[in-house]
Amino acid sequence: MYLYLVTYDVCTKEDEGQARLRRIAKACEGRGCRVQKSVFELRLTLPQLEELRHRMLKIIDPAQDSLRIYRLTGPLEQNLEVHGLNHAVDFTEPLIF
């Protein structure tokens, strides 16, 4: 598994854009942690990444929207600096609510 940072910017001037925005967020939810409104930290295998990428590319309008996927190398602690609220969840530890 690798750690990825997925960011997107969807043009929401029209109702179509609002729908794309909801669909792209839903594609990422449940696969990792939403750390900002349009930013997710995801721990995925390569096949999972390919499936997610394919799904998201079918949603976005490349003439209006932007999708970026970054693979983070090394432990998250070495790649992350947080200032202010930290909404991240450590998915490597047991989750008890």
Protein backbone atom coordinates (compact mmCIF):
# COMPACT_ATOMS: atom_id res chain seq x y z
CA MET A 1 0.00 0.00 0.00
CA TYR A 2 1.05 3.52 -0.72
CA LEU A 3 -0.07 6.84 0.69
CA TYR A 4 -1.61 9.28 -1.79
CA LEU A 5 -2.78 12.84 -1.53
CA VAL A 6 -5.76 13.50 -3.80
CA THR A 7 -6.84 17.08 -4.47
CA TYR A 8 -9.50 18.40 -6.77
CA ASP A 9 -10.98 21.69 -7.85
CA VAL A 10 -14.39 21.48 -9.49
CA CYS A 11 -16.04 24.44 -11.21
CA THR A 12 -19.35 24.89 -9.38
CA LYS A 13 -20.81 27.86 -11.28
CA GLU A 14 -23.55 25.61 -12.63
CA ASP A 15 -25.67 22.86 -11.06
CA GLU A 16 -23.72 20.27 -13.10
CA GLY A 17 -20.56 21.33 -11.30
CA GLN A 18 -22.21 21.00 -7.89
CA ALA A 19 -23.19 17.42 -8.80
CA ARG A 20 -19.64 16.61 -10.00
CA LEU A 21 -18.23 18.03 -6.77
CA ARG A 22 -20.47 15.76 -4.66
CA ARG A 23 -19.68 12.71 -6.82
CA ILE A 24 -15.91 13.23 -6.72
CA ALA A 25 -15.98 13.64 -2.91
CA LYS A 26 -18.12 10.53 -2.57
CA ALA A 27 -15.60 8.58 -4.67
CA CYS A 28 -12.87 9.42 -2.13
CA GLU A 29 -14.90 9.07 1.08
CA GLY A 30 -14.48 5.75 2.82
CA ARG A 31 -11.09 5.20 1.17
CA GLY A 32 -9.14 7.43 3.50
CA CYS A 33 -9.32 10.64 5.42
CA ARG A 34 -10.68 13.97 4.25
CA VAL A 35 -8.19 16.51 5.59
CA GLN A 36 -9.63 19.57 3.85
CA LYS A 37 -12.77 20.16 1.81
CA SER A 38 -11.18 19.02 -1.45
CA VAL A 39 -8.16 17.12 -0.13
CA PHE A 40 -7.97 13.46 0.90
CA GLU A 41 -5.15 11.33 2.30
CA LEU A 42 -5.67 7.80 1.00
CA ARG A 43 -3.78 4.57 1.68
CA LEU A 44 -4.31 2.42 -1.42
CA THR A 45 -2.88 -0.50 -3.32
CA LEU A 46 -2.01 0.13 -6.98
CA PRO A 47 -5.19 -1.64 -8.24
CA GLN A 48 -7.29 0.43 -5.81
CA LEU A 49 -5.63 3.61 -7.07
CA GLU A 50 -6.27 2.65 -10.70
CA GLU A 51 -9.94 1.95 -9.98
CA LEU A 52 -10.34 5.26 -8.12
CA ARG A 53 -8.49 7.22 -10.81
CA HIS A 54 -10.69 5.69 -13.51
CA ARG A 55 -13.83 6.52 -11.53
CA MET A 56 -12.77 10.12 -10.87
CA LEU A 57 -11.71 10.74 -14.49
CA LYS A 58 -15.20 9.71 -15.59
CA ILE A 59 -16.67 12.33 -13.21
CA ILE A 60 -14.59 15.44 -13.80
CA ASP A 61 -14.91 17.81 -16.74
CA PRO A 62 -11.29 18.25 -17.87
CA ALA A 63 -12.17 21.56 -19.54
CA GLN A 64 -13.30 23.06 -16.21
CA ASP A 65 -12.02 20.90 -13.34
CA SER A 66 -8.66 19.85 -11.93
CA LEU A 67 -7.66 16.55 -10.33
CA ARG A 68 -4.23 15.97 -8.78
CA ILE A 69 -2.91 12.74 -7.28
CA TYR A 70 0.39 12.80 -5.37
CA ARG A 71 2.15 9.67 -4.14
CA LEU A 72 3.87 10.42 -0.85
CA THR A 73 7.11 8.59 -0.28
CA GLY A 74 8.31 7.59 3.15
CA PRO A 75 6.31 7.76 6.36
CA LEU A 76 3.58 10.40 6.56
CA GLU A 77 5.31 12.02 9.52
CA GLN A 78 8.26 12.86 7.25
CA ASN A 79 6.02 14.35 4.54
CA LEU A 80 3.50 16.30 6.59
CA GLU A 81 3.56 19.56 8.46
CA VAL A 82 0.21 20.64 9.94
CA HIS A 83 -0.62 24.06 11.32
CA GLY A 84 -4.02 24.63 12.90
CA LEU A 85 -6.72 21.98 13.04
CA ASN A 86 -5.64 18.46 12.15
CA HIS A 87 -8.55 16.38 10.86
CA ALA A 88 -6.42 13.39 9.91
CA VAL A 89 -7.17 9.91 11.24
CA ASP A 90 -4.45 7.27 11.58
CA PHE A 91 -5.91 4.32 9.68
CA THR A 92 -3.00 2.09 10.68
CA GLU A 93 -4.26 2.03 14.27
CA PRO A 94 -7.53 0.43 15.45
CA LEU A 95 -10.48 2.79 15.11
CA ILE A 96 -12.70 2.83 18.20
CA PHE A 97 -15.60 5.27 18.39
